[in-house]
Amino acid sequence: MIVLAIDTAGIDCSAAVFDHSAAKLLSAVSEEIGKGHAERLMAVIDQALDEAGIALEAVGKIAVVIGPGSFTGIRVGVAAARGLALSLGIDCVGVSTLEALAASHRASGGSDKPVLVAMDAKREEIYAQAFAVDGTSLTEPAALSAEAVDNLAASLAADMIGSWVGKTGDRFDIGAVARIGALKDAAGSRPKPLYLRGPDAKPQLGFALARV
């Protein structure tokens, strides 16, 4: 099965093509753009498909990064992935940024034990989640204070956590996303953005016109 992976949750606009049957990453394209994912995403996907020598119609599953991360970026990626999956009549699965970080850590030989992933969430908060060796979650993803993350680590048995994965930026391994997505069961569901807190931008109050 051919998997198309998409990531617009951070500063990169990325796409990858993964052959699950051969366990081979056929292509990976990533552009550091910061903003403007909607304008670049389809071109990045086309480039990834061209480099892999794969037609879009040959894709059997789409994996998309659902966050936590950039509110706008996540919406762009999830909408594109769901639209492509609907048009092709194939499954679409979501992969969290925390899952991708844990998988990248394991792939780099970081640990053969469960890990606690911590990612800077700004506003004095940390996105955190613990994962088992096989990638399954031991805790739910959450936006926590530094003290709460320390308490989470302390609450887990000492022999369960092999290492920490710290992330201060917002770049994720698109190859890891593709590999995770290949193993996920869509189960008829559609991926949704993973927002662990409200948006930074909020509507101003007191300026709305009263309805007649």
Foldseek 3Di string as FASTA:
>chain_A
DKEWEFEQQFQKGKIWIADPVVRDTQFIDIDRHRDDNLVCNVVRSVVRCVSSVHDLLPHAEYEYEQDDGDPVRNVSGQVVRVVSCVVSVHYYYYDYQQLQLQLVCVVVVNDQAKAKEWEDPPPQWIWIFIAGNVSHTPDDTATGHPVVVVVVVVVDDPRRHPYYRYYYHDDGDRSSRRNVRVPDDRVPPGDHHDDRDDDPDDDDPPPDDDDD
